[in-house]
Amino acid sequence: MRMGGARLPVRAICSAAVLLLASASAVSAQLNASPYNRDCGTALQGGLTKNERWKTNGPWHVRMSYETARRIARRVGPSEFQPPGSHPHPRDVPCVVASSVAFAGANGWAARQESPDSVSVRWTGYASGPSFGRFRCVATTRRPGAIDETCSHKADRHAGAIVVQFTVRPA
């Protein structure tokens, strides 16, 4: 192959193509691994624990990868009034996970007035949904009238790595 009077060897062209494909693959993998890292809900959203003595309100903070959100979305059934076989959009998954973990963690706190060792959490809402697995919860800050909790899920067959932070307050 000639380029501007110079001859390019086939080996150089193949090497450039391999490098181009490798960098495109790395960018694609990076995009799939990029995390959702957001606050969900507002101070007006939340709920009481089962014993009605504690509450958790937004915002709840959640971190998870796009791939984890996609995999969870594919396992969730249709929402109310949605066609059979439909699933939620992956962008909606992190906030459902955040509120579900916050409610389970707050209920664990309410039962013992200490961080639950772990809580099992599943999809909540109109759609039928999967388990996200077990989350290990720890109190990160204890303030008068509020306890900040962080619940973490290690990647397993239920879902990838997920971290949710929330606050529990007396009702």
C-alpha atoms as a PDB file:
ATOM      1  CA  MET A   1       0.000   0.000   0.000  1.00  0.00           C
ATOM      2  CA  ARG A   2       1.380   3.426  -0.909  1.00  0.00           C
ATOM      3  CA  MET A   3       0.640   6.565   1.038  1.00  0.00           C
ATOM      4  CA  GLY A   4       2.067   9.883  -0.181  1.00  0.00           C
ATOM      5  CA  GLY A   5       4.820   8.154  -2.083  1.00  0.00           C
ATOM      6  CA  ALA A   6       5.873   6.027   0.946  1.00  0.00           C
ATOM      7  CA  ARG A   7       5.090   2.411   1.213  1.00  0.00           C
ATOM      8  CA  LEU A   8       3.325   1.238   4.432  1.00  0.00           C
ATOM      9  CA  PRO A   9       3.939  -2.337   5.437  1.00  0.00           C
ATOM     10  CA  VAL A  10       0.926  -4.559   5.991  1.00  0.00           C
ATOM     11  CA  ARG A  11       2.251  -5.353   9.465  1.00  0.00           C
ATOM     12  CA  ALA A  12       2.021  -1.649  10.494  1.00  0.00           C
ATOM     13  CA  ILE A  13      -1.540  -1.405   9.209  1.00  0.00           C
ATOM     14  CA  CYS A  14      -2.566  -4.550  11.108  1.00  0.00           C
ATOM     15  CA  SER A  15      -0.877  -3.295  14.287  1.00  0.00           C
ATOM     16  CA  ALA A  16      -2.734   0.018  14.054  1.00  0.00           C
ATOM     17  CA  ALA A  17      -6.050  -1.805  13.550  1.00  0.00           C
ATOM     18  CA  VAL A  18      -5.430  -4.040  16.581  1.00  0.00           C
ATOM     19  CA  LEU A  19      -4.578  -0.990  18.734  1.00  0.00           C
ATOM     20  CA  LEU A  20      -7.718   0.794  17.554  1.00  0.00           C
ATOM     21  CA  LEU A  21      -9.916  -2.216  18.382  1.00  0.00           C
ATOM     22  CA  ALA A  22      -8.260  -2.689  21.783  1.00  0.00           C
ATOM     23  CA  SER A  23      -8.790   0.950  22.765  1.00  0.00           C
ATOM     24  CA  ALA A  24     -12.429   0.858  21.590  1.00  0.00           C
ATOM     25  CA  SER A  25     -12.973  -2.284  23.654  1.00  0.00           C
ATOM     26  CA  ALA A  26     -11.391  -0.656  26.724  1.00  0.00           C
ATOM     27  CA  VAL A  27     -13.652   2.412  26.361  1.00  0.00           C
ATOM     28  CA  SER A  28     -16.710   0.158  26.006  1.00  0.00           C
ATOM     29  CA  ALA A  29     -15.753  -1.840  29.123  1.00  0.00           C
ATOM     30  CA  GLN A  30     -15.165   1.389  31.040  1.00  0.00           C
ATOM     31  CA  LEU A  31     -18.626   2.704  30.093  1.00  0.00           C
ATOM     32  CA  ASN A  32     -20.289  -0.538  31.252  1.00  0.00           C
ATOM     33  CA  ALA A  33     -18.387  -0.427  34.549  1.00  0.00           C
ATOM     34  CA  SER A  34     -19.122   3.266  35.154  1.00  0.00           C
ATOM     35  CA  PRO A  35     -21.172   3.570  38.293  1.00  0.00           C
ATOM     36  CA  TYR A  36     -24.465   5.134  39.025  1.00  0.00           C
ATOM     37  CA  ASN A  37     -23.518   7.395  41.920  1.00  0.00           C
ATOM     38  CA  ARG A  38     -26.541   9.430  42.914  1.00  0.00           C
ATOM     39  CA  ASP A  39     -28.907  10.641  45.569  1.00  0.00           C
ATOM     40  CA  CYS A  40     -32.467   9.353  45.346  1.00  0.00           C
ATOM     41  CA  GLY A  41     -35.651  10.596  46.907  1.00  0.00           C
ATOM     42  CA  THR A  42     -36.294  13.766  48.863  1.00  0.00           C
ATOM     43  CA  ALA A  43     -36.828  14.598  52.522  1.00  0.00           C
ATOM     44  CA  LEU A  44     -40.566  14.283  51.803  1.00  0.00           C
ATOM     45  CA  GLN A  45     -40.163  10.680  50.626  1.00  0.00           C
ATOM     46  CA  GLY A  46     -39.576   7.872  53.072  1.00  0.00           C
ATOM     47  CA  GLY A  47     -41.401   5.851  55.628  1.00  0.00           C
ATOM     48  CA  LEU A  48     -41.767   4.517  59.126  1.00  0.00           C
ATOM     49  CA  THR A  49     -40.281   1.296  60.378  1.00  0.00           C
ATOM     50  CA  LYS A  50     -42.559  -1.610  61.241  1.00  0.00           C
ATOM     51  CA  ASN A  51     -42.653  -0.588  64.922  1.00  0.00           C
ATOM     52  CA  GLU A  52     -43.401   3.036  63.894  1.00  0.00           C
ATOM     53  CA  ARG A  53     -40.708   4.383  66.241  1.00  0.00           C
ATOM     54  CA  TRP A  54     -38.061   5.104  63.578  1.00  0.00           C
ATOM     55  CA  LYS A  55     -38.080   6.492  60.050  1.00  0.00           C
ATOM     56  CA  THR A  56     -35.850   6.936  57.044  1.00  0.00           C
ATOM     57  CA  ASN A  57     -36.317   9.703  54.507  1.00  0.00           C
ATOM     58  CA  GLY A  58     -34.484  10.628  51.378  1.00  0.00           C
ATOM     59  CA  PRO A  59     -32.159  11.464  50.019  1.00  0.00           C
ATOM     60  CA  TRP A  60     -30.642   8.003  50.002  1.00  0.00           C
ATOM     61  CA  HIS A  61     -27.276   7.646  48.283  1.00  0.00           C
ATOM     62  CA  VAL A  62     -26.521   4.669  46.030  1.00  0.00           C
ATOM     63  CA  ARG A  63     -23.514   3.467  44.033  1.00  0.00           C
ATOM     64  CA  MET A  64     -23.665   0.593  41.549  1.00  0.00           C
ATOM     65  CA  SER A  65     -22.442  -0.151  38.032  1.00  0.00           C
ATOM     66  CA  TYR A  66     -24.567   0.270  34.933  1.00  0.00           C
ATOM     67  CA  GLU A  67     -24.158  -3.448  34.275  1.00  0.00           C
ATOM     68  CA  THR A  68     -25.586  -4.297  37.725  1.00  0.00           C
ATOM     69  CA  ALA A  69     -28.577  -2.030  37.066  1.00  0.00           C
ATOM     70  CA  ARG A  70     -29.128  -3.657  33.656  1.00  0.00           C
ATOM     71  CA  ARG A  71     -28.941  -7.172  35.083  1.00  0.00           C
ATOM     72  CA  ILE A  72     -31.422  -6.329  37.856  1.00  0.00           C
ATOM     73  CA  ALA A  73     -33.800  -4.627  35.388  1.00  0.00           C
ATOM     74  CA  ARG A  74     -33.864  -7.746  33.199  1.00  0.00           C
ATOM     75  CA  ARG A  75     -34.981  -9.835  36.204  1.00  0.00           C
ATOM     76  CA  VAL A  76     -37.836  -7.506  37.226  1.00  0.00           C
ATOM     77  CA  GLY A  77     -41.318  -8.129  35.888  1.00  0.00           C
ATOM     78  CA  PRO A  78     -43.612  -5.498  34.399  1.00  0.00           C
ATOM     79  CA  SER A  79     -44.889  -2.611  36.487  1.00  0.00           C
ATOM     80  CA  GLU A  80     -48.585  -2.046  36.974  1.00  0.00           C
ATOM     81  CA  PHE A  81     -50.385  -1.396  33.643  1.00  0.00           C
ATOM     82  CA  GLN A  82     -47.264  -2.332  31.635  1.00  0.00           C
ATOM     83  CA  PRO A  83     -47.296  -5.009  28.934  1.00  0.00           C
ATOM     84  CA  PRO A  84     -46.276  -8.546  29.885  1.00  0.00           C
ATOM     85  CA  GLY A  85     -42.609  -9.194  29.347  1.00  0.00           C
ATOM     86  CA  SER A  86     -41.601  -5.552  29.875  1.00  0.00           C
ATOM     87  CA  HIS A  87     -38.972  -4.475  32.374  1.00  0.00           C
ATOM     88  CA  PRO A  88     -38.057  -1.194  34.079  1.00  0.00           C
ATOM     89  CA  HIS A  89     -35.376   0.938  32.486  1.00  0.00           C
ATOM     90  CA  PRO A  90     -31.949   0.382  34.102  1.00  0.00           C
ATOM     91  CA  ARG A  91     -31.741   4.087  35.044  1.00  0.00           C
ATOM     92  CA  ASP A  92     -34.737   3.543  37.386  1.00  0.00           C
ATOM     93  CA  VAL A  93     -33.114   0.615  39.216  1.00  0.00           C
ATOM     94  CA  PRO A  94     -30.633   2.450  41.501  1.00  0.00           C
ATOM     95  CA  CYS A  95     -33.294   4.492  43.296  1.00  0.00           C
ATOM     96  CA  VAL A  96     -35.550   1.472  43.861  1.00  0.00           C
ATOM     97  CA  VAL A  97     -32.529  -0.364  45.272  1.00  0.00           C
ATOM     98  CA  ALA A  98     -31.614   2.625  47.472  1.00  0.00           C
ATOM     99  CA  SER A  99     -35.073   2.977  49.010  1.00  0.00           C
ATOM    100  CA  SER A 100     -35.481  -0.795  49.436  1.00  0.00           C
ATOM    101  CA  VAL A 101     -32.149  -1.090  51.251  1.00  0.00           C
ATOM    102  CA  ALA A 102     -32.878   1.999  53.386  1.00  0.00           C
ATOM    103  CA  PHE A 103     -36.237   0.602  54.531  1.00  0.00           C
ATOM    104  CA  ALA A 104     -34.780  -2.842  55.286  1.00  0.00           C
ATOM    105  CA  GLY A 105     -31.829  -1.299  57.133  1.00  0.00           C
ATOM    106  CA  ALA A 106     -34.068   1.054  59.120  1.00  0.00           C
ATOM    107  CA  ASN A 107     -36.303  -1.868  60.120  1.00  0.00           C
ATOM    108  CA  GLY A 108     -33.202  -3.767  61.231  1.00  0.00           C
ATOM    109  CA  TRP A 109     -32.139  -0.765  63.298  1.00  0.00           C
ATOM    110  CA  ALA A 110     -35.606  -0.426  64.828  1.00  0.00           C
ATOM    111  CA  ALA A 111     -35.591  -4.058  65.966  1.00  0.00           C
ATOM    112  CA  ARG A 112     -32.340  -3.804  67.967  1.00  0.00           C
ATOM    113  CA  GLN A 113     -31.301  -0.108  68.126  1.00  0.00           C
ATOM    114  CA  GLU A 114     -28.035  -1.099  66.505  1.00  0.00           C
ATOM    115  CA  SER A 115     -26.930  -1.733  62.976  1.00  0.00           C
ATOM    116  CA  PRO A 116     -28.250  -5.035  61.704  1.00  0.00           C
ATOM    117  CA  ASP A 117     -25.459  -7.471  60.846  1.00  0.00           C
ATOM    118  CA  SER A 118     -27.075  -7.929  57.476  1.00  0.00           C
ATOM    119  CA  VAL A 119     -30.401  -7.466  55.768  1.00  0.00           C
ATOM    120  CA  SER A 120     -31.876  -9.343  52.840  1.00  0.00           C
ATOM    121  CA  VAL A 121     -33.361  -6.956  50.307  1.00  0.00           C
ATOM    122  CA  ARG A 122     -35.598  -7.430  47.276  1.00  0.00           C
ATOM    123  CA  TRP A 123     -37.356  -5.232  44.713  1.00  0.00           C
ATOM    124  CA  THR A 124     -40.268  -3.269  46.160  1.00  0.00           C
ATOM    125  CA  GLY A 125     -43.097  -1.682  44.231  1.00  0.00           C
ATOM    126  CA  TYR A 126     -45.844  -2.776  41.853  1.00  0.00           C
ATOM    127  CA  ALA A 127     -43.559  -5.024  39.821  1.00  0.00           C
ATOM    128  CA  SER A 128     -42.568  -8.446  41.013  1.00  0.00           C
ATOM    129  CA  GLY A 129     -38.893  -8.440  41.534  1.00  0.00           C
ATOM    130  CA  PRO A 130     -35.747 -10.247  42.428  1.00  0.00           C
ATOM    131  CA  SER A 131     -33.673 -10.390  45.549  1.00  0.00           C
ATOM    132  CA  PHE A 132     -30.648  -8.116  45.553  1.00  0.00           C
ATOM    133  CA  GLY A 133     -29.043 -10.421  48.123  1.00  0.00           C
ATOM    134  CA  ARG A 134     -27.715  -9.674  51.594  1.00  0.00           C
ATOM    135  CA  PHE A 135     -26.309  -6.299  52.576  1.00  0.00           C
ATOM    136  CA  ARG A 136     -23.944  -5.813  55.507  1.00  0.00           C
ATOM    137  CA  CYS A 137     -24.853  -2.636  57.383  1.00  0.00           C
ATOM    138  CA  VAL A 138     -22.741  -0.473  59.700  1.00  0.00           C
ATOM    139  CA  ALA A 139     -23.505   2.758  61.538  1.00  0.00           C
ATOM    140  CA  THR A 140     -21.061   5.308  60.153  1.00  0.00           C
ATOM    141  CA  THR A 141     -22.121   8.285  62.286  1.00  0.00           C
ATOM    142  CA  ARG A 142     -24.202   8.535  65.438  1.00  0.00           C
ATOM    143  CA  ARG A 143     -25.565  12.014  66.073  1.00  0.00           C
ATOM    144  CA  PRO A 144     -28.207  13.120  68.551  1.00  0.00           C
ATOM    145  CA  GLY A 145     -31.452  12.191  66.835  1.00  0.00           C
ATOM    146  CA  ALA A 146     -29.915  10.484  63.794  1.00  0.00           C
ATOM    147  CA  ILE A 147     -27.857   7.479  62.804  1.00  0.00           C
ATOM    148  CA  ASP A 148     -26.136   7.365  59.415  1.00  0.00           C
ATOM    149  CA  GLU A 149     -25.940   3.846  57.989  1.00  0.00           C
ATOM    150  CA  THR A 150     -23.978   2.360  55.120  1.00  0.00           C
ATOM    151  CA  CYS A 151     -25.106  -0.981  53.725  1.00  0.00           C
ATOM    152  CA  SER A 152     -22.836  -2.804  51.266  1.00  0.00           C
ATOM    153  CA  HIS A 153     -23.468  -5.749  48.984  1.00  0.00           C
ATOM    154  CA  LYS A 154     -20.579  -7.739  47.562  1.00  0.00           C
ATOM    155  CA  ALA A 155     -21.085  -9.002  44.031  1.00  0.00           C
ATOM    156  CA  ASP A 156     -22.743 -12.426  43.947  1.00  0.00           C
ATOM    157  CA  ARG A 157     -25.360 -14.316  41.949  1.00  0.00           C
ATOM    158  CA  HIS A 158     -28.080 -11.810  42.962  1.00  0.00           C
ATOM    159  CA  ALA A 159     -26.403  -8.547  41.944  1.00  0.00           C
ATOM    160  CA  GLY A 160     -23.077  -6.791  41.502  1.00  0.00           C
ATOM    161  CA  ALA A 161     -21.441  -4.606  44.142  1.00  0.00           C
ATOM    162  CA  ILE A 162     -23.851  -2.022  45.599  1.00  0.00           C
ATOM    163  CA  VAL A 163     -23.404   0.547  48.394  1.00  0.00           C
ATOM    164  CA  VAL A 164     -26.338   2.457  49.917  1.00  0.00           C
ATOM    165  CA  GLN A 165     -26.096   5.237  52.511  1.00  0.00           C
ATOM    166  CA  PHE A 166     -29.083   6.544  54.455  1.00  0.00           C
ATOM    167  CA  THR A 167     -30.125   8.085  57.782  1.00  0.00           C
ATOM    168  CA  VAL A 168     -32.414   6.609  60.453  1.00  0.00           C
ATOM    169  CA  ARG A 169     -34.183   9.016  62.834  1.00  0.00           C
ATOM    170  CA  PRO A 170     -36.691   8.645  65.657  1.00  0.00           C
ATOM    171  CA  ALA A 171     -40.231   9.061  64.317  1.00  0.00           C
END
